[in-house]
Amino acid sequence: MTELAMAVRAARHEDAKSVARVYIDSWHDTYPAILPTELLRAMTPKGQTARWRAAIVAGGRERVLVAECPQHGVIGMTSFGPAQDKALGYDGEVYTLYVAPDFFNHGIGTLLLRSAFGALHGSGFTSCVIWAHARNPARYFYEAMGGRLVAERSRRMLGTAVPEAAFGWQRLALGDRKAASGGTITRS
């Protein structure tokens, strides 16, 4: 087993390409049997780099954090801000949370979620919702972290109906059934 020195920090504009890589790689790893191939192919490194650079540079409504280690660079990312659907009764929302597929199951998602909750709390938010594809295995991660299924919907992505499930936390606290290792991840 090797240990990875980990840091979660605010994304910088030069991280946009790495954030796009983690985002695309995660989608391609998670959704090939769930979403149409055309949708996955539409995600280009150039387009996603531009999207994430704009979000990072704007530093406004959507904030972006990255998980990085000296050996591998950026290996995870999350973005968050005000809830997009206030009718659900949550004031904050985690919009995205992705870990590079080679680094699944090492506590990085927990560190990112804990960091996003801390940043939301520091900005005055008190609760959080996360929307996930209804067939995304990450939904079980959110449940393990104390998220409660609070809503379901279907939205269209490139003409395809995509079922989603919302997980909510009334307080910005994780149900620590999966403990993070506090900055050092053990990897085999």
N, C-alpha and C. Protein backbone atom coordinates (compact mmCIF):
# COMPACT_ATOMS: atom_id res chain seq x y z
N MET A 1 0.84 -1.19 0.00
CA MET A 1 0.00 0.00 0.00
C MET A 1 0.88 1.24 0.00
N THR A 2 0.49 2.20 -0.81
CA THR A 2 1.18 3.48 -0.82
C THR A 2 0.22 4.54 -0.30
N GLU A 3 0.79 5.55 0.30
CA GLU A 3 -0.03 6.65 0.80
C GLU A 3 0.06 7.81 -0.15
N LEU A 4 -1.08 8.46 -0.36
CA LEU A 4 -1.15 9.65 -1.20
C LEU A 4 -1.34 10.86 -0.29
N ALA A 5 -0.42 11.80 -0.37
CA ALA A 5 -0.62 13.05 0.35
C ALA A 5 -1.68 13.82 -0.41
N MET A 6 -2.74 14.20 0.27
CA MET A 6 -3.89 14.82 -0.37
C MET A 6 -4.10 16.24 0.11
N ALA A 7 -4.56 17.07 -0.79
CA ALA A 7 -4.99 18.42 -0.43
C ALA A 7 -6.26 18.72 -1.20
N VAL A 8 -7.21 19.33 -0.53
CA VAL A 8 -8.40 19.85 -1.20
C VAL A 8 -8.28 21.37 -1.11
N ARG A 9 -8.39 22.01 -2.27
CA ARG A 9 -8.20 23.47 -2.33
C ARG A 9 -9.11 24.07 -3.39
N ALA A 10 -9.22 25.39 -3.36
CA ALA A 10 -9.98 26.10 -4.39
C ALA A 10 -9.29 25.90 -5.73
N ALA A 11 -10.08 25.64 -6.75
CA ALA A 11 -9.52 25.48 -8.10
C ALA A 11 -9.00 26.81 -8.61
N ARG A 12 -7.92 26.73 -9.39
CA ARG A 12 -7.33 27.90 -10.05
C ARG A 12 -7.55 27.76 -11.56
N HIS A 13 -7.46 28.85 -12.28
CA HIS A 13 -7.75 28.80 -13.73
C HIS A 13 -6.89 27.78 -14.44
N GLU A 14 -5.67 27.57 -14.00
CA GLU A 14 -4.81 26.58 -14.66
C GLU A 14 -5.22 25.13 -14.37
N ASP A 15 -6.18 24.94 -13.46
CA ASP A 15 -6.70 23.60 -13.17
C ASP A 15 -7.81 23.17 -14.13
N ALA A 16 -8.30 24.08 -14.96
CA ALA A 16 -9.48 23.81 -15.78
C ALA A 16 -9.32 22.56 -16.64
N LYS A 17 -8.18 22.37 -17.25
CA LYS A 17 -7.97 21.20 -18.11
C LYS A 17 -8.01 19.91 -17.29
N SER A 18 -7.42 19.92 -16.11
CA SER A 18 -7.43 18.74 -15.24
C SER A 18 -8.82 18.46 -14.70
N VAL A 19 -9.56 19.51 -14.35
CA VAL A 19 -10.93 19.34 -13.88
C VAL A 19 -11.77 18.73 -15.00
N ALA A 20 -11.60 19.24 -16.23
CA ALA A 20 -12.33 18.70 -17.38
C ALA A 20 -11.99 17.22 -17.60
N ARG A 21 -10.73 16.86 -17.44
CA ARG A 21 -10.31 15.46 -17.62
C ARG A 21 -10.99 14.56 -16.59
N VAL A 22 -10.98 14.96 -15.32
CA VAL A 22 -11.64 14.17 -14.27
C VAL A 22 -13.13 14.05 -14.57
N TYR A 23 -13.75 15.14 -14.96
CA TYR A 23 -15.18 15.16 -15.25
C TYR A 23 -15.52 14.21 -16.40
N ILE A 24 -14.82 14.34 -17.51
CA ILE A 24 -15.08 13.49 -18.69
C ILE A 24 -14.76 12.03 -18.39
N ASP A 25 -13.60 11.77 -17.79
CA ASP A 25 -13.23 10.39 -17.47
C ASP A 25 -14.27 9.73 -16.56
N SER A 26 -14.78 10.49 -15.60
CA SER A 26 -15.78 9.95 -14.68
C SER A 26 -17.08 9.62 -15.42
N TRP A 27 -17.51 10.50 -16.29
CA TRP A 27 -18.73 10.25 -17.06
C TRP A 27 -18.53 9.03 -17.96
N HIS A 28 -17.39 8.95 -18.62
CA HIS A 28 -17.15 7.82 -19.53
C HIS A 28 -17.03 6.51 -18.77
N ASP A 29 -16.56 6.55 -17.54
CA ASP A 29 -16.43 5.35 -16.72
C ASP A 29 -17.78 4.92 -16.13
N THR A 30 -18.60 5.90 -15.71
CA THR A 30 -19.83 5.62 -14.99
C THR A 30 -21.04 5.37 -15.89
N TYR A 31 -21.15 6.11 -16.99
CA TYR A 31 -22.40 6.14 -17.73
C TYR A 31 -22.48 5.40 -19.06
N PRO A 32 -21.49 4.61 -19.50
CA PRO A 32 -21.61 4.02 -20.84
C PRO A 32 -22.82 3.10 -21.02
N ALA A 33 -23.26 2.41 -20.00
CA ALA A 33 -24.42 1.54 -20.13
C ALA A 33 -25.71 2.24 -19.70
N ILE A 34 -25.58 3.50 -19.28
CA ILE A 34 -26.71 4.24 -18.73
C ILE A 34 -27.19 5.34 -19.68
N LEU A 35 -26.25 6.08 -20.26
CA LEU A 35 -26.57 7.20 -21.14
C LEU A 35 -26.19 6.88 -22.59
N PRO A 36 -26.85 7.52 -23.55
CA PRO A 36 -26.52 7.28 -24.95
C PRO A 36 -25.08 7.67 -25.28
N THR A 37 -24.46 6.90 -26.16
CA THR A 37 -23.09 7.15 -26.59
C THR A 37 -22.93 8.56 -27.14
N GLU A 38 -23.94 9.04 -27.88
CA GLU A 38 -23.86 10.39 -28.47
C GLU A 38 -23.69 11.46 -27.39
N LEU A 39 -24.35 11.28 -26.28
CA LEU A 39 -24.24 12.23 -25.18
C LEU A 39 -22.83 12.23 -24.62
N LEU A 40 -22.25 11.05 -24.44
CA LEU A 40 -20.89 10.96 -23.90
C LEU A 40 -19.87 11.50 -24.89
N ARG A 41 -20.07 11.23 -26.16
CA ARG A 41 -19.15 11.75 -27.18
C ARG A 41 -19.21 13.27 -27.31
N ALA A 42 -20.33 13.84 -26.95
CA ALA A 42 -20.49 15.30 -27.05
C ALA A 42 -19.63 16.04 -26.02
N MET A 43 -19.13 15.33 -25.02
CA MET A 43 -18.29 15.95 -24.00
C MET A 43 -16.85 15.98 -24.50
N THR A 44 -16.41 17.14 -24.97
CA THR A 44 -15.06 17.26 -25.50
C THR A 44 -14.14 17.90 -24.48
N PRO A 45 -12.85 17.54 -24.50
CA PRO A 45 -11.91 18.21 -23.59
C PRO A 45 -11.90 19.72 -23.79
N LYS A 46 -11.95 20.18 -25.02
CA LYS A 46 -11.93 21.63 -25.29
C LYS A 46 -13.18 22.30 -24.68
N GLY A 47 -14.35 21.72 -24.93
CA GLY A 47 -15.58 22.30 -24.41
C GLY A 47 -15.65 22.28 -22.90
N GLN A 48 -15.28 21.15 -22.30
CA GLN A 48 -15.32 21.05 -20.84
C GLN A 48 -14.26 21.93 -20.18
N THR A 49 -13.08 22.05 -20.79
CA THR A 49 -12.05 22.94 -20.24
C THR A 49 -12.56 24.37 -20.22
N ALA A 50 -13.20 24.80 -21.30
CA ALA A 50 -13.76 26.15 -21.37
C ALA A 50 -14.85 26.34 -20.32
N ARG A 51 -15.71 25.33 -20.16
CA ARG A 51 -16.79 25.42 -19.18
C ARG A 51 -16.24 25.56 -17.77
N TRP A 52 -15.26 24.73 -17.42
CA TRP A 52 -14.71 24.77 -16.06
C TRP A 52 -13.84 25.99 -15.84
N ARG A 53 -13.10 26.43 -16.86
CA ARG A 53 -12.32 27.65 -16.71
C ARG A 53 -13.24 28.83 -16.42
N ALA A 54 -14.35 28.92 -17.15
CA ALA A 54 -15.31 30.02 -16.93
C ALA A 54 -15.85 29.99 -15.50
N ALA A 55 -16.20 28.81 -15.01
CA ALA A 55 -16.73 28.70 -13.64
C ALA A 55 -15.68 29.08 -12.61
N ILE A 56 -14.46 28.63 -12.82
CA ILE A 56 -13.37 28.90 -11.87
C ILE A 56 -13.02 30.38 -11.85
N VAL A 57 -12.87 30.96 -13.02
CA VAL A 57 -12.46 32.37 -13.12
C VAL A 57 -13.56 33.30 -12.60
N ALA A 58 -14.82 32.95 -12.89
CA ALA A 58 -15.93 33.81 -12.46
C ALA A 58 -15.97 33.91 -10.94
N GLY A 59 -15.68 32.80 -10.26
CA GLY A 59 -15.66 32.81 -8.80
C GLY A 59 -16.95 33.34 -8.21
N GLY A 60 -18.03 33.18 -8.90
CA GLY A 60 -19.31 33.72 -8.43
C GLY A 60 -20.19 32.69 -7.80
N ARG A 61 -21.32 32.46 -8.41
CA ARG A 61 -22.36 31.58 -7.90
C ARG A 61 -21.84 30.17 -7.68
N GLU A 62 -21.11 29.63 -8.65
CA GLU A 62 -20.58 28.27 -8.56
C GLU A 62 -19.12 28.32 -8.14
N ARG A 63 -18.80 27.63 -7.05
CA ARG A 63 -17.41 27.52 -6.60
C ARG A 63 -16.90 26.13 -6.90
N VAL A 64 -15.61 26.01 -7.18
CA VAL A 64 -15.01 24.74 -7.56
C VAL A 64 -13.83 24.44 -6.65
N LEU A 65 -13.81 23.22 -6.11
CA LEU A 65 -12.68 22.72 -5.33
C LEU A 65 -12.08 21.54 -6.06
N VAL A 66 -10.78 21.33 -5.89
CA VAL A 66 -10.12 20.16 -6.45
C VAL A 66 -9.42 19.39 -5.34
N ALA A 67 -9.31 18.08 -5.54
CA ALA A 67 -8.49 17.22 -4.69
C ALA A 67 -7.26 16.91 -5.52
N GLU A 68 -6.10 17.13 -4.94
CA GLU A 68 -4.87 16.85 -5.69
C GLU A 68 -3.85 16.20 -4.78
N CYS A 69 -2.95 15.48 -5.43
CA CYS A 69 -1.81 14.91 -4.72
C CYS A 69 -0.58 15.17 -5.58
N PRO A 70 0.58 15.34 -4.95
CA PRO A 70 1.79 15.65 -5.71
C PRO A 70 2.13 14.61 -6.77
N GLN A 71 1.84 13.34 -6.48
CA GLN A 71 2.21 12.27 -7.41
C GLN A 71 1.35 12.25 -8.68
N HIS A 72 0.09 12.67 -8.57
CA HIS A 72 -0.85 12.49 -9.68
C HIS A 72 -1.57 13.76 -10.12
N GLY A 73 -1.38 14.87 -9.43
CA GLY A 73 -2.08 16.10 -9.78
C GLY A 73 -3.52 16.06 -9.31
N VAL A 74 -4.40 16.71 -10.07
CA VAL A 74 -5.83 16.78 -9.73
C VAL A 74 -6.46 15.41 -9.98
N ILE A 75 -7.07 14.86 -8.93
CA ILE A 75 -7.70 13.54 -9.04
C ILE A 75 -9.17 13.55 -8.63
N GLY A 76 -9.68 14.72 -8.31
CA GLY A 76 -11.10 14.84 -7.96
C GLY A 76 -11.52 16.29 -8.00
N MET A 77 -12.83 16.50 -8.11
CA MET A 77 -13.35 17.86 -8.15
C MET A 77 -14.78 17.90 -7.65
N THR A 78 -15.19 19.06 -7.17
CA THR A 78 -16.58 19.29 -6.80
C THR A 78 -16.91 20.74 -7.07
N SER A 79 -18.16 21.00 -7.39
CA SER A 79 -18.63 22.37 -7.54
C SER A 79 -19.93 22.51 -6.76
N PHE A 80 -20.20 23.71 -6.27
CA PHE A 80 -21.34 23.90 -5.37
C PHE A 80 -21.70 25.37 -5.31
N GLY A 81 -22.85 25.64 -4.73
CA GLY A 81 -23.33 27.02 -4.57
C GLY A 81 -24.76 27.01 -4.08
N PRO A 82 -25.51 28.08 -4.39
CA PRO A 82 -26.91 28.14 -3.96
C PRO A 82 -27.75 27.05 -4.63
N ALA A 83 -28.75 26.57 -3.93
CA ALA A 83 -29.64 25.56 -4.49
C ALA A 83 -30.35 26.14 -5.72
N GLN A 84 -30.43 25.34 -6.76
CA GLN A 84 -31.09 25.78 -7.98
C GLN A 84 -32.59 25.64 -7.90
N ASP A 85 -33.10 24.76 -7.04
CA ASP A 85 -34.53 24.55 -6.87
C ASP A 85 -34.87 24.78 -5.41
N LYS A 86 -35.18 26.00 -5.06
CA LYS A 86 -35.45 26.37 -3.67
C LYS A 86 -36.71 25.69 -3.11
N ALA A 87 -37.60 25.21 -4.02
CA ALA A 87 -38.84 24.57 -3.57
C ALA A 87 -38.59 23.30 -2.77
N LEU A 88 -37.41 22.71 -2.91
CA LEU A 88 -37.10 21.50 -2.15
C LEU A 88 -36.80 21.79 -0.69
N GLY A 89 -36.55 23.06 -0.35
CA GLY A 89 -36.32 23.43 1.04
C GLY A 89 -34.86 23.38 1.48
N TYR A 90 -33.93 23.34 0.53
CA TYR A 90 -32.49 23.34 0.85
C TYR A 90 -31.89 24.61 0.27
N ASP A 91 -30.98 25.24 1.01
CA ASP A 91 -30.42 26.50 0.50
C ASP A 91 -29.13 26.31 -0.29
N GLY A 92 -28.37 25.24 -0.05
CA GLY A 92 -27.14 24.98 -0.78
C GLY A 92 -27.28 23.76 -1.66
N GLU A 93 -26.37 23.65 -2.64
CA GLU A 93 -26.39 22.49 -3.54
C GLU A 93 -24.97 22.15 -3.97
N VAL A 94 -24.67 20.86 -3.97
CA VAL A 94 -23.45 20.37 -4.60
C VAL A 94 -23.86 20.00 -6.02
N TYR A 95 -23.33 20.73 -7.00
CA TYR A 95 -23.70 20.53 -8.40
C TYR A 95 -22.98 19.33 -9.02
N THR A 96 -21.71 19.17 -8.68
CA THR A 96 -20.91 18.08 -9.23
C THR A 96 -19.96 17.57 -8.17
N LEU A 97 -19.64 16.28 -8.22
CA LEU A 97 -18.61 15.69 -7.38
C LEU A 97 -18.10 14.47 -8.14
N TYR A 98 -16.87 14.56 -8.60
CA TYR A 98 -16.28 13.47 -9.39
C TYR A 98 -14.87 13.17 -8.94
N VAL A 99 -14.54 11.89 -8.96
CA VAL A 99 -13.20 11.41 -8.64
C VAL A 99 -12.70 10.64 -9.85
N ALA A 100 -11.44 10.84 -10.22
CA ALA A 100 -10.85 10.10 -11.35
C ALA A 100 -11.03 8.60 -11.09
N PRO A 101 -11.47 7.85 -12.11
CA PRO A 101 -11.78 6.43 -11.92
C PRO A 101 -10.65 5.61 -11.27
N ASP A 102 -9.41 5.92 -11.53
CA ASP A 102 -8.31 5.17 -10.92
C ASP A 102 -8.20 5.39 -9.41
N PHE A 103 -8.97 6.35 -8.88
CA PHE A 103 -8.86 6.69 -7.46
C PHE A 103 -10.17 6.49 -6.70
N PHE A 104 -11.10 5.73 -7.27
CA PHE A 104 -12.34 5.41 -6.57
C PHE A 104 -12.03 4.61 -5.30
N ASN A 105 -12.91 4.73 -4.33
CA ASN A 105 -12.87 3.93 -3.09
C ASN A 105 -11.64 4.15 -2.24
N HIS A 106 -11.16 5.40 -2.23
CA HIS A 106 -10.02 5.74 -1.38
C HIS A 106 -10.32 6.92 -0.47
N GLY A 107 -11.60 7.28 -0.34
CA GLY A 107 -11.97 8.36 0.57
C GLY A 107 -11.93 9.75 -0.02
N ILE A 108 -11.59 9.87 -1.29
CA ILE A 108 -11.46 11.19 -1.91
C ILE A 108 -12.82 11.87 -2.03
N GLY A 109 -13.85 11.10 -2.40
CA GLY A 109 -15.19 11.66 -2.48
C GLY A 109 -15.66 12.20 -1.14
N THR A 110 -15.35 11.47 -0.08
CA THR A 110 -15.71 11.92 1.27
C THR A 110 -15.00 13.23 1.61
N LEU A 111 -13.71 13.30 1.31
CA LEU A 111 -12.97 14.54 1.57
C LEU A 111 -13.54 15.71 0.78
N LEU A 112 -13.88 15.47 -0.49
CA LEU A 112 -14.46 16.54 -1.32
C LEU A 112 -15.82 16.96 -0.79
N LEU A 113 -16.67 16.00 -0.43
CA LEU A 113 -17.99 16.34 0.07
C LEU A 113 -17.89 17.10 1.39
N ARG A 114 -17.02 16.63 2.27
CA ARG A 114 -16.82 17.32 3.55
C ARG A 114 -16.32 18.75 3.32
N SER A 115 -15.41 18.92 2.37
CA SER A 115 -14.88 20.26 2.05
C SER A 115 -15.94 21.16 1.45
N ALA A 116 -16.77 20.61 0.56
CA ALA A 116 -17.86 21.39 -0.03
C ALA A 116 -18.83 21.83 1.06
N PHE A 117 -19.19 20.92 1.96
CA PHE A 117 -20.09 21.27 3.06
C PHE A 117 -19.47 22.37 3.93
N GLY A 118 -18.17 22.25 4.21
CA GLY A 118 -17.50 23.28 5.01
C GLY A 118 -17.51 24.64 4.33
N ALA A 119 -17.27 24.65 3.03
CA ALA A 119 -17.28 25.91 2.29
C ALA A 119 -18.69 26.49 2.21
N LEU A 120 -19.68 25.63 2.01
CA LEU A 120 -21.07 26.11 2.01
C LEU A 120 -21.42 26.72 3.36
N HIS A 121 -21.06 26.01 4.44
CA HIS A 121 -21.33 26.52 5.79
C HIS A 121 -20.64 27.87 6.01
N GLY A 122 -19.38 27.97 5.57
CA GLY A 122 -18.63 29.22 5.71
C GLY A 122 -19.24 30.38 4.93
N SER A 123 -20.06 30.06 3.94
CA SER A 123 -20.74 31.09 3.14
C SER A 123 -22.16 31.35 3.63
N GLY A 124 -22.52 30.75 4.77
CA GLY A 124 -23.82 31.03 5.36
C GLY A 124 -24.94 30.06 5.01
N PHE A 125 -24.63 29.00 4.26
CA PHE A 125 -25.66 28.02 3.94
C PHE A 125 -25.84 27.07 5.13
N THR A 126 -27.03 26.49 5.24
CA THR A 126 -27.31 25.62 6.38
C THR A 126 -27.69 24.20 5.98
N SER A 127 -28.04 23.99 4.71
CA SER A 127 -28.48 22.68 4.26
C SER A 127 -28.00 22.46 2.83
N CYS A 128 -28.17 21.23 2.32
CA CYS A 128 -27.64 20.93 0.99
C CYS A 128 -28.44 19.83 0.31
N VAL A 129 -28.52 19.96 -1.01
CA VAL A 129 -29.12 18.92 -1.84
C VAL A 129 -28.12 18.58 -2.95
N ILE A 130 -28.15 17.33 -3.38
CA ILE A 130 -27.32 16.87 -4.50
C ILE A 130 -28.23 16.07 -5.43
N TRP A 131 -28.23 16.42 -6.71
CA TRP A 131 -28.95 15.64 -7.71
C TRP A 131 -27.97 14.67 -8.35
N ALA A 132 -28.37 13.41 -8.49
CA ALA A 132 -27.54 12.39 -9.14
C ALA A 132 -28.40 11.62 -10.13
N HIS A 133 -27.77 11.13 -11.17
CA HIS A 133 -28.49 10.25 -12.10
C HIS A 133 -29.05 9.10 -11.28
N ALA A 134 -30.30 8.75 -11.50
CA ALA A 134 -30.95 7.74 -10.68
C ALA A 134 -30.26 6.38 -10.73
N ARG A 135 -29.52 6.10 -11.81
CA ARG A 135 -28.83 4.81 -11.92
C ARG A 135 -27.32 4.94 -11.69
N ASN A 136 -26.87 6.09 -11.22
CA ASN A 136 -25.46 6.29 -10.91
C ASN A 136 -25.14 5.61 -9.58
N PRO A 137 -24.13 4.73 -9.55
CA PRO A 137 -23.77 4.07 -8.28
C PRO A 137 -23.41 5.06 -7.17
N ALA A 138 -23.07 6.31 -7.52
CA ALA A 138 -22.73 7.32 -6.50
C ALA A 138 -23.91 7.60 -5.58
N ARG A 139 -25.11 7.30 -6.04
CA ARG A 139 -26.27 7.54 -5.17
C ARG A 139 -26.13 6.79 -3.85
N TYR A 140 -25.49 5.62 -3.87
CA TYR A 140 -25.31 4.84 -2.64
C TYR A 140 -24.26 5.50 -1.74
N PHE A 141 -23.30 6.17 -2.35
CA PHE A 141 -22.32 6.94 -1.59
C PHE A 141 -23.03 8.06 -0.84
N TYR A 142 -23.92 8.79 -1.53
CA TYR A 142 -24.64 9.89 -0.88
C TYR A 142 -25.51 9.37 0.27
N GLU A 143 -26.14 8.23 0.07
CA GLU A 143 -26.93 7.63 1.15
C GLU A 143 -26.04 7.24 2.33
N ALA A 144 -24.87 6.66 2.02
CA ALA A 144 -23.94 6.28 3.08
C ALA A 144 -23.41 7.49 3.85
N MET A 145 -23.39 8.64 3.19
CA MET A 145 -22.92 9.87 3.83
C MET A 145 -24.04 10.60 4.57
N GLY A 146 -25.20 9.96 4.66
CA GLY A 146 -26.29 10.54 5.42
C GLY A 146 -27.33 11.28 4.60
N GLY A 147 -27.16 11.33 3.28
CA GLY A 147 -28.15 11.98 2.43
C GLY A 147 -29.42 11.17 2.38
N ARG A 148 -30.54 11.86 2.41
CA ARG A 148 -31.85 11.21 2.37
C ARG A 148 -32.47 11.49 1.02
N LEU A 149 -33.03 10.48 0.37
CA LEU A 149 -33.72 10.67 -0.90
C LEU A 149 -34.91 11.59 -0.66
N VAL A 150 -34.92 12.75 -1.36
CA VAL A 150 -35.97 13.74 -1.10
C VAL A 150 -36.79 14.08 -2.33
N ALA A 151 -36.33 13.71 -3.53
CA ALA A 151 -37.09 14.03 -4.74
C ALA A 151 -36.55 13.22 -5.91
N GLU A 152 -37.36 13.12 -6.93
CA GLU A 152 -36.94 12.50 -8.18
C GLU A 152 -37.49 13.34 -9.32
N ARG A 153 -36.80 13.32 -10.45
CA ARG A 153 -37.25 14.07 -11.62
C ARG A 153 -36.63 13.44 -12.86
N SER A 154 -37.06 13.93 -13.99
CA SER A 154 -36.46 13.54 -15.25
C SER A 154 -36.17 14.82 -16.00
N ARG A 155 -34.95 14.95 -16.52
CA ARG A 155 -34.63 16.11 -17.34
C ARG A 155 -34.05 15.63 -18.66
N ARG A 156 -34.07 16.48 -19.63
CA ARG A 156 -33.62 16.12 -20.97
C ARG A 156 -32.18 16.59 -21.17
N MET A 157 -31.36 15.66 -21.68
CA MET A 157 -29.97 15.97 -22.03
C MET A 157 -29.77 15.51 -23.47
N LEU A 158 -29.55 16.46 -24.36
CA LEU A 158 -29.42 16.18 -25.79
C LEU A 158 -30.58 15.32 -26.29
N GLY A 159 -31.78 15.66 -25.83
CA GLY A 159 -32.97 14.97 -26.29
C GLY A 159 -33.31 13.67 -25.56
N THR A 160 -32.47 13.26 -24.65
CA THR A 160 -32.68 12.01 -23.92
C THR A 160 -33.21 12.30 -22.52
N ALA A 161 -34.26 11.61 -22.12
CA ALA A 161 -34.79 11.75 -20.76
C ALA A 161 -33.82 11.08 -19.79
N VAL A 162 -33.39 11.83 -18.80
CA VAL A 162 -32.43 11.33 -17.81
C VAL A 162 -33.09 11.38 -16.43
N PRO A 163 -33.35 10.23 -15.81
CA PRO A 163 -33.95 10.22 -14.48
C PRO A 163 -32.91 10.60 -13.42
N GLU A 164 -33.32 11.46 -12.49
CA GLU A 164 -32.41 11.91 -11.44
C GLU A 164 -33.07 11.75 -10.07
N ALA A 165 -32.23 11.60 -9.06
CA ALA A 165 -32.68 11.49 -7.68
C ALA A 165 -31.95 12.55 -6.86
N ALA A 166 -32.67 13.21 -5.97
CA ALA A 166 -32.08 14.24 -5.11
C ALA A 166 -31.88 13.67 -3.71
N PHE A 167 -30.70 13.94 -3.17
CA PHE A 167 -30.37 13.55 -1.80
C PHE A 167 -30.17 14.82 -1.00
N GLY A 168 -30.78 14.89 0.18
CA GLY A 168 -30.71 16.11 0.97
C GLY A 168 -30.16 15.90 2.36
N TRP A 169 -29.52 16.95 2.83
CA TRP A 169 -29.02 17.04 4.20
C TRP A 169 -29.63 18.30 4.80
N GLN A 170 -30.42 18.16 5.85
CA GLN A 170 -31.02 19.32 6.52
C GLN A 170 -29.97 20.15 7.24
N ARG A 171 -28.89 19.48 7.64
CA ARG A 171 -27.74 20.17 8.25
C ARG A 171 -26.51 19.80 7.45
N LEU A 172 -25.57 20.69 7.36
CA LEU A 172 -24.34 20.44 6.61
C LEU A 172 -23.39 19.58 7.44
N ALA A 173 -23.78 18.34 7.62
CA ALA A 173 -22.97 17.37 8.36
C ALA A 173 -23.12 16.02 7.69
N LEU A 174 -22.03 15.29 7.61
CA LEU A 174 -22.05 13.98 6.98
C LEU A 174 -22.32 12.91 8.01
N GLY A 175 -23.06 11.90 7.61
CA GLY A 175 -23.20 10.69 8.41
C GLY A 175 -21.96 9.86 8.16
N ASP A 176 -21.00 9.90 9.07
CA ASP A 176 -19.67 9.34 8.83
C ASP A 176 -19.61 7.82 8.89
N ARG A 177 -20.38 7.15 8.07
CA ARG A 177 -20.24 5.70 7.99
C ARG A 177 -18.99 5.32 7.21
N LYS A 178 -18.48 6.25 6.40
CA LYS A 178 -17.21 6.06 5.68
C LYS A 178 -16.31 7.19 6.16
N ALA A 179 -15.41 6.92 7.03
CA ALA A 179 -14.56 7.98 7.56
C ALA A 179 -13.47 8.34 6.57
N ALA A 180 -13.22 9.63 6.46
CA ALA A 180 -12.10 10.09 5.63
C ALA A 180 -10.85 9.97 6.48
N SER A 181 -9.72 9.89 5.81
CA SER A 181 -8.49 9.68 6.54
C SER A 181 -7.75 10.98 6.82
N GLY A 182 -8.46 12.10 6.75
CA GLY A 182 -7.89 13.36 7.19
C GLY A 182 -6.74 13.90 6.38
N GLY A 183 -6.70 13.65 5.10
CA GLY A 183 -5.66 14.25 4.29
C GLY A 183 -4.68 13.26 3.71
N THR A 184 -4.64 12.06 4.20
CA THR A 184 -3.78 11.04 3.62
C THR A 184 -4.64 9.86 3.22
N ILE A 185 -4.54 9.47 1.98
CA ILE A 185 -5.33 8.36 1.46
C ILE A 185 -4.39 7.17 1.27
N THR A 186 -4.80 6.03 1.80
CA THR A 186 -4.03 4.81 1.62
C THR A 186 -4.52 4.12 0.34
N ARG A 187 -3.61 3.80 -0.54
CA ARG A 187 -3.98 3.21 -1.83
C ARG A 187 -3.14 1.96 -2.07
N SER A 188 -3.79 0.90 -2.53
CA SER A 188 -3.04 -0.33 -2.81
C SER A 188 -2.56 -0.35 -4.24
